[in-house]
Amino acid sequence: MTDPVPAVYIPGMRPLILRIGMLLMGIGLVVGAASTVIVSSFAPVDEQVGTHGSAAAAVLGIGLLVAAFNPSGSIAWVRAGILYGAVVLIFEVISWLHGKSFHLGPVIFGLAFSLLLIAAYPERKKLIPERTRPAPAPTTTEPITKEEPKPEEPEKGS
């Protein structure tokens, strides 16, 4: 009996997993943000679901939902989704250092989806932008010569 192959290695599955992950992350962010604004009794839900109900989370969620239909063409949104996990972790640690409670839900949500986006993205090398270097100065093969001023001819008198 052979070991089962993880779905991520089956041809065509990585793009599907990536899209589903982006849709789920986007829905979680949008619902978490909307629940804190629309229904005040759901205010703590944003921390339990894994979001910090803000406009930024809503924008990120909408961007991920739209980008899920063409992740390779929307690499900036994929990068933003990956960054979200690190930012949430840093946010929670700083909040905890300031005496607030540490909410594990947002950290798990953020890091899990960040790792999923990295693992499922078909061209991982493109996730890290290439460093742009200034173009080298043009070189000439001809020596640069200083042009001598021509002597002025005296005007002919009339």
Protein backbone atom coordinates (compact mmCIF):
# COMPACT_ATOMS: atom_id res chain seq x y z
CA MET A 1 0.00 0.00 0.00
CA THR A 2 1.42 3.42 -0.95
CA ASP A 3 1.33 6.50 1.20
CA PRO A 4 -1.33 9.01 0.16
CA VAL A 5 0.00 12.03 -1.69
CA PRO A 6 -0.83 15.36 -0.02
CA ALA A 7 -3.36 17.33 -2.06
CA VAL A 8 -0.91 20.18 -2.53
CA TYR A 9 1.25 17.92 -4.74
CA ILE A 10 -1.57 16.77 -7.02
CA PRO A 11 -1.41 18.70 -10.33
CA GLY A 12 -3.91 21.56 -10.38
CA MET A 13 -4.67 21.40 -6.65
CA ARG A 14 -2.33 24.17 -5.47
CA PRO A 15 -4.18 26.91 -7.39
CA LEU A 16 -7.50 25.57 -6.09
CA ILE A 17 -6.25 25.43 -2.49
CA LEU A 18 -4.83 28.94 -2.88
CA ARG A 19 -8.14 30.32 -4.15
CA ILE A 20 -10.18 28.61 -1.45
CA GLY A 21 -7.76 29.82 1.23
CA MET A 22 -7.92 33.39 -0.06
CA LEU A 23 -11.73 33.26 -0.17
CA LEU A 24 -11.95 31.91 3.39
CA MET A 25 -9.45 34.43 4.72
CA GLY A 26 -11.26 37.27 2.95
CA ILE A 27 -14.67 36.15 4.24
CA GLY A 28 -13.30 35.87 7.79
CA LEU A 29 -11.83 39.36 7.67
CA VAL A 30 -14.91 40.98 6.12
CA VAL A 31 -17.36 39.21 8.47
CA GLY A 32 -15.19 39.97 11.49
CA ALA A 33 -15.00 43.65 10.57
CA ALA A 34 -18.69 43.93 9.70
CA SER A 35 -19.87 42.13 12.83
CA THR A 36 -18.29 44.70 15.11
CA VAL A 37 -19.96 47.56 13.25
CA ILE A 38 -23.39 46.12 12.45
CA VAL A 39 -24.27 44.16 15.60
CA SER A 40 -22.83 45.40 18.87
CA SER A 41 -23.59 42.08 20.61
CA PHE A 42 -21.12 40.43 18.22
CA ALA A 43 -18.32 42.85 19.16
CA PRO A 44 -16.14 40.16 20.80
CA VAL A 45 -16.66 37.85 17.81
CA ASP A 46 -13.94 39.64 15.84
CA GLU A 47 -11.32 38.50 18.34
CA GLN A 48 -12.71 34.96 18.48
CA VAL A 49 -12.98 34.61 14.70
CA GLY A 50 -9.50 35.99 14.28
CA THR A 51 -9.82 39.57 13.12
CA HIS A 52 -9.52 42.97 14.69
CA GLY A 53 -12.74 44.41 13.21
CA SER A 54 -11.32 47.45 11.49
CA ALA A 55 -11.72 49.12 8.15
CA ALA A 56 -8.26 47.93 7.20
CA ALA A 57 -9.30 44.33 7.81
CA ALA A 58 -12.39 44.85 5.68
CA VAL A 59 -10.34 46.30 2.84
CA LEU A 60 -7.84 43.45 3.06
CA GLY A 61 -10.69 40.93 3.11
CA ILE A 62 -12.37 42.45 0.05
CA GLY A 63 -9.03 42.59 -1.76
CA LEU A 64 -8.37 38.92 -1.02
CA LEU A 65 -11.88 37.95 -2.14
CA VAL A 66 -11.40 39.71 -5.48
CA ALA A 67 -7.81 38.48 -5.88
CA ALA A 68 -8.85 34.88 -5.25
CA PHE A 69 -10.16 34.71 -8.82
CA ASN A 70 -6.70 35.49 -10.25
CA PRO A 71 -4.03 35.17 -7.54
CA SER A 72 -1.08 35.34 -9.94
CA GLY A 73 -2.40 38.59 -11.39
CA SER A 74 -2.99 40.03 -7.91
CA ILE A 75 0.29 39.18 -6.22
CA ALA A 76 0.19 42.34 -4.08
CA TRP A 77 -2.98 41.10 -2.36
CA VAL A 78 -1.39 37.70 -1.78
CA ARG A 79 1.63 39.43 -0.22
CA ALA A 80 -0.69 41.56 1.94
CA GLY A 81 -2.52 38.43 3.11
CA ILE A 82 0.79 36.84 4.06
CA LEU A 83 1.89 39.97 5.88
CA TYR A 84 -1.35 40.02 7.87
CA GLY A 85 -0.29 36.95 9.88
CA ALA A 86 2.96 38.55 11.03
CA VAL A 87 1.28 41.86 11.81
CA VAL A 88 -1.41 40.21 13.93
CA LEU A 89 1.20 38.28 15.90
CA ILE A 90 3.20 41.46 16.54
CA PHE A 91 0.01 43.34 17.45
CA GLU A 92 -1.02 40.70 19.99
CA VAL A 93 2.45 40.50 21.56
CA ILE A 94 2.63 44.28 21.94
CA SER A 95 -0.90 44.36 23.40
CA TRP A 96 0.06 41.61 25.84
CA LEU A 97 3.21 43.49 26.87
CA HIS A 98 0.97 46.47 27.66
CA GLY A 99 -1.12 44.38 30.05
CA LYS A 100 -3.98 43.40 27.75
CA SER A 101 -5.06 39.81 27.26
CA PHE A 102 -3.46 37.78 24.47
CA HIS A 103 -6.06 36.61 21.93
CA LEU A 104 -4.94 33.36 20.35
CA GLY A 105 -7.73 33.28 17.73
CA PRO A 106 -6.40 36.13 15.57
CA VAL A 107 -2.85 34.76 15.75
CA ILE A 108 -3.92 31.26 14.66
CA PHE A 109 -6.17 32.68 11.92
CA GLY A 110 -3.47 35.03 10.60
CA LEU A 111 -0.54 32.64 10.72
CA ALA A 112 -2.50 29.65 9.39
CA PHE A 113 -3.73 31.55 6.35
CA SER A 114 -0.35 33.21 5.81
CA LEU A 115 1.30 29.80 5.71
CA LEU A 116 -1.45 28.45 3.45
CA LEU A 117 -0.94 31.31 0.97
CA ILE A 118 2.80 30.70 0.93
CA ALA A 119 2.45 26.92 0.54
CA ALA A 120 -0.22 27.07 -2.16
CA TYR A 121 1.14 29.93 -4.27
CA PRO A 122 2.33 28.38 -7.56
CA GLU A 123 5.41 30.58 -8.03
CA ARG A 124 6.76 31.19 -4.53
CA LYS A 125 9.89 32.93 -5.80
CA LYS A 126 7.69 35.76 -7.07
CA LEU A 127 6.31 36.38 -3.57
CA ILE A 128 9.58 38.09 -2.65
CA PRO A 129 10.02 41.12 -4.92
CA GLU A 130 13.25 41.27 -6.84
CA ARG A 131 15.59 44.01 -5.84
CA THR A 132 15.72 46.73 -8.44
CA ARG A 133 19.15 48.10 -9.14
CA PRO A 134 19.93 51.35 -10.88
CA ALA A 135 20.91 51.02 -14.50
CA PRO A 136 24.66 51.28 -15.12
CA ALA A 137 25.93 54.54 -16.54
CA PRO A 138 26.19 54.45 -20.33
CA THR A 139 29.68 53.95 -21.67
CA THR A 140 30.97 55.44 -24.88
CA THR A 141 33.68 54.07 -27.09
CA GLU A 142 34.68 57.44 -28.47
CA PRO A 143 37.00 59.61 -26.40
CA ILE A 144 35.44 62.74 -25.08
CA THR A 145 37.26 65.74 -26.55
CA LYS A 146 36.85 69.30 -25.56
CA GLU A 147 35.95 71.45 -28.51
CA GLU A 148 38.29 74.42 -28.93
CA PRO A 149 36.63 77.79 -29.51
CA LYS A 150 37.10 79.03 -33.06
CA PRO A 151 38.81 82.39 -33.49
CA GLU A 152 36.40 85.10 -34.59
CA GLU A 153 36.91 86.54 -38.02
CA PRO A 154 37.12 90.31 -38.18
CA GLU A 155 34.10 91.95 -39.75
CA LYS A 156 34.58 93.27 -43.20
CA GLY A 157 34.15 96.97 -43.32
CA SER A 158 31.84 98.63 -45.72
